[in-house]
Amino acid sequence: MSVSEENCANESCGHWVTGTWTRCSSTCGQGIRRRTVECMGGRDCPFTSKPIAEAACYSGVPCINPIAQNPQAWTQLDNK
């Protein structure tokens, strides 16, 4: 977990606490990864410094379209 804090004068400020990122939602191509983001320890957390909770990710493996790889598949599908 990481913590983001803001300097507060005489009052207690909240700080953002982030969880660990999930795995990429896709096994090929692009997907989304998520994490929890919570305001802890005091008053309101500053929204402008809130860490992101979702981010794009790439699995590292391109998605393969079986029909694009095998043009005969179109014919096979048309005949069904």
C-alpha atoms as a PDB file:
ATOM      1  CA  MET A   1       0.000   0.000   0.000  1.00  0.00           C
ATOM      2  CA  SER A   2       1.158   3.514  -0.686  1.00  0.00           C
ATOM      3  CA  VAL A   3       0.109   6.641   1.159  1.00  0.00           C
ATOM      4  CA  SER A   4      -0.328  10.193  -0.146  1.00  0.00           C
ATOM      5  CA  GLU A   5      -0.429  12.923   2.510  1.00  0.00           C
ATOM      6  CA  GLU A   6      -1.074  16.655   2.447  1.00  0.00           C
ATOM      7  CA  ASN A   7       0.356  19.212   4.871  1.00  0.00           C
ATOM      8  CA  CYS A   8      -2.403  20.438   7.221  1.00  0.00           C
ATOM      9  CA  ALA A   9      -2.197  23.381   9.609  1.00  0.00           C
ATOM     10  CA  ASN A  10      -3.964  22.653  12.897  1.00  0.00           C
ATOM     11  CA  GLU A  11      -6.423  20.041  11.746  1.00  0.00           C
ATOM     12  CA  SER A  12      -6.133  16.425  10.826  1.00  0.00           C
ATOM     13  CA  CYS A  13      -6.196  15.762   7.091  1.00  0.00           C
ATOM     14  CA  GLY A  14      -7.190  12.549   5.476  1.00  0.00           C
ATOM     15  CA  HIS A  15      -4.781  10.738   3.189  1.00  0.00           C
ATOM     16  CA  TRP A  16      -5.271   8.413   0.265  1.00  0.00           C
ATOM     17  CA  VAL A  17      -4.407   4.743   0.695  1.00  0.00           C
ATOM     18  CA  THR A  18      -4.166   2.556  -2.402  1.00  0.00           C
ATOM     19  CA  GLY A  19      -4.388  -1.208  -2.715  1.00  0.00           C
ATOM     20  CA  THR A  20      -2.398  -3.356  -5.109  1.00  0.00           C
ATOM     21  CA  TRP A  21      -3.269  -3.487  -8.789  1.00  0.00           C
ATOM     22  CA  THR A  22      -5.315  -6.429 -10.049  1.00  0.00           C
ATOM     23  CA  ARG A  23      -4.125  -8.457 -12.996  1.00  0.00           C
ATOM     24  CA  CYS A  24      -5.011  -7.211 -16.442  1.00  0.00           C
ATOM     25  CA  SER A  25      -8.656  -8.048 -17.216  1.00  0.00           C
ATOM     26  CA  SER A  26      -7.728  -9.472 -20.612  1.00  0.00           C
ATOM     27  CA  THR A  27      -5.552 -12.479 -21.438  1.00  0.00           C
ATOM     28  CA  CYS A  28      -4.767 -10.992 -24.840  1.00  0.00           C
ATOM     29  CA  GLY A  29      -4.601  -7.446 -26.143  1.00  0.00           C
ATOM     30  CA  GLN A  30      -5.716  -4.505 -24.039  1.00  0.00           C
ATOM     31  CA  GLY A  31      -7.687  -4.657 -20.794  1.00  0.00           C
ATOM     32  CA  ILE A  32      -8.173  -2.809 -17.514  1.00  0.00           C
ATOM     33  CA  ARG A  33      -6.504  -3.188 -14.142  1.00  0.00           C
ATOM     34  CA  ARG A  34      -8.037  -1.874 -10.937  1.00  0.00           C
ATOM     35  CA  ARG A  35      -7.120  -1.084  -7.338  1.00  0.00           C
ATOM     36  CA  THR A  36      -8.902   0.228  -4.280  1.00  0.00           C
ATOM     37  CA  VAL A  37      -8.413   3.878  -3.306  1.00  0.00           C
ATOM     38  CA  GLU A  38      -9.631   4.898   0.151  1.00  0.00           C
ATOM     39  CA  CYS A  39      -9.567   8.100   2.187  1.00  0.00           C
ATOM     40  CA  MET A  40      -8.180   7.335   5.645  1.00  0.00           C
ATOM     41  CA  GLY A  41      -7.235   9.108   8.858  1.00  0.00           C
ATOM     42  CA  GLY A  42      -9.085  12.322   9.366  1.00  0.00           C
ATOM     43  CA  ARG A  43     -11.114  14.791   7.426  1.00  0.00           C
ATOM     44  CA  ASP A  44     -11.840  14.861   3.730  1.00  0.00           C
ATOM     45  CA  CYS A  45      -9.074  13.863   1.378  1.00  0.00           C
ATOM     46  CA  PRO A  46      -8.175  16.362  -1.358  1.00  0.00           C
ATOM     47  CA  PHE A  47      -9.897  15.129  -4.511  1.00  0.00           C
ATOM     48  CA  THR A  48      -7.267  16.732  -6.749  1.00  0.00           C
ATOM     49  CA  SER A  49      -4.594  14.397  -5.379  1.00  0.00           C
ATOM     50  CA  LYS A  50      -6.717  11.224  -5.502  1.00  0.00           C
ATOM     51  CA  PRO A  51      -4.756   8.414  -7.169  1.00  0.00           C
ATOM     52  CA  ILE A  52      -6.331   6.646 -10.127  1.00  0.00           C
ATOM     53  CA  ALA A  53      -8.291   3.456  -9.433  1.00  0.00           C
ATOM     54  CA  GLU A  54      -8.392   2.116 -13.024  1.00  0.00           C
ATOM     55  CA  ALA A  55      -5.771   2.033 -15.735  1.00  0.00           C
ATOM     56  CA  ALA A  56      -5.415   0.515 -19.175  1.00  0.00           C
ATOM     57  CA  CYS A  57      -3.082  -2.461 -19.436  1.00  0.00           C
ATOM     58  CA  TYR A  58      -1.704  -4.658 -22.186  1.00  0.00           C
ATOM     59  CA  SER A  59      -1.394  -8.372 -21.565  1.00  0.00           C
ATOM     60  CA  GLY A  60       1.707  -8.657 -23.747  1.00  0.00           C
ATOM     61  CA  VAL A  61       0.012 -11.171 -26.047  1.00  0.00           C
ATOM     62  CA  PRO A  62      -1.773  -9.958 -29.184  1.00  0.00           C
ATOM     63  CA  CYS A  63      -5.303 -11.249 -29.761  1.00  0.00           C
ATOM     64  CA  ILE A  64      -5.523 -13.396 -32.867  1.00  0.00           C
ATOM     65  CA  ASN A  65      -8.634 -13.391 -35.005  1.00  0.00           C
ATOM     66  CA  PRO A  66      -8.992 -17.003 -36.235  1.00  0.00           C
ATOM     67  CA  ILE A  67     -10.970 -15.942 -39.309  1.00  0.00           C
ATOM     68  CA  ALA A  68      -8.345 -13.382 -40.328  1.00  0.00           C
ATOM     69  CA  GLN A  69      -5.682 -16.073 -39.913  1.00  0.00           C
ATOM     70  CA  ASN A  70      -7.694 -18.606 -41.967  1.00  0.00           C
ATOM     71  CA  PRO A  71      -9.705 -17.043 -44.825  1.00  0.00           C
ATOM     72  CA  GLN A  72     -11.267 -20.448 -45.556  1.00  0.00           C
ATOM     73  CA  ALA A  73     -13.117 -20.102 -42.253  1.00  0.00           C
ATOM     74  CA  TRP A  74     -15.423 -17.574 -43.949  1.00  0.00           C
ATOM     75  CA  THR A  75     -16.421 -20.220 -46.479  1.00  0.00           C
ATOM     76  CA  GLN A  76     -16.906 -22.787 -43.734  1.00  0.00           C
ATOM     77  CA  LEU A  77     -19.152 -20.384 -41.822  1.00  0.00           C
ATOM     78  CA  ASP A  78     -21.145 -19.446 -44.949  1.00  0.00           C
ATOM     79  CA  ASN A  79     -21.854 -23.105 -45.702  1.00  0.00           C
ATOM     80  CA  LYS A  80     -23.403 -23.749 -42.271  1.00  0.00           C
END
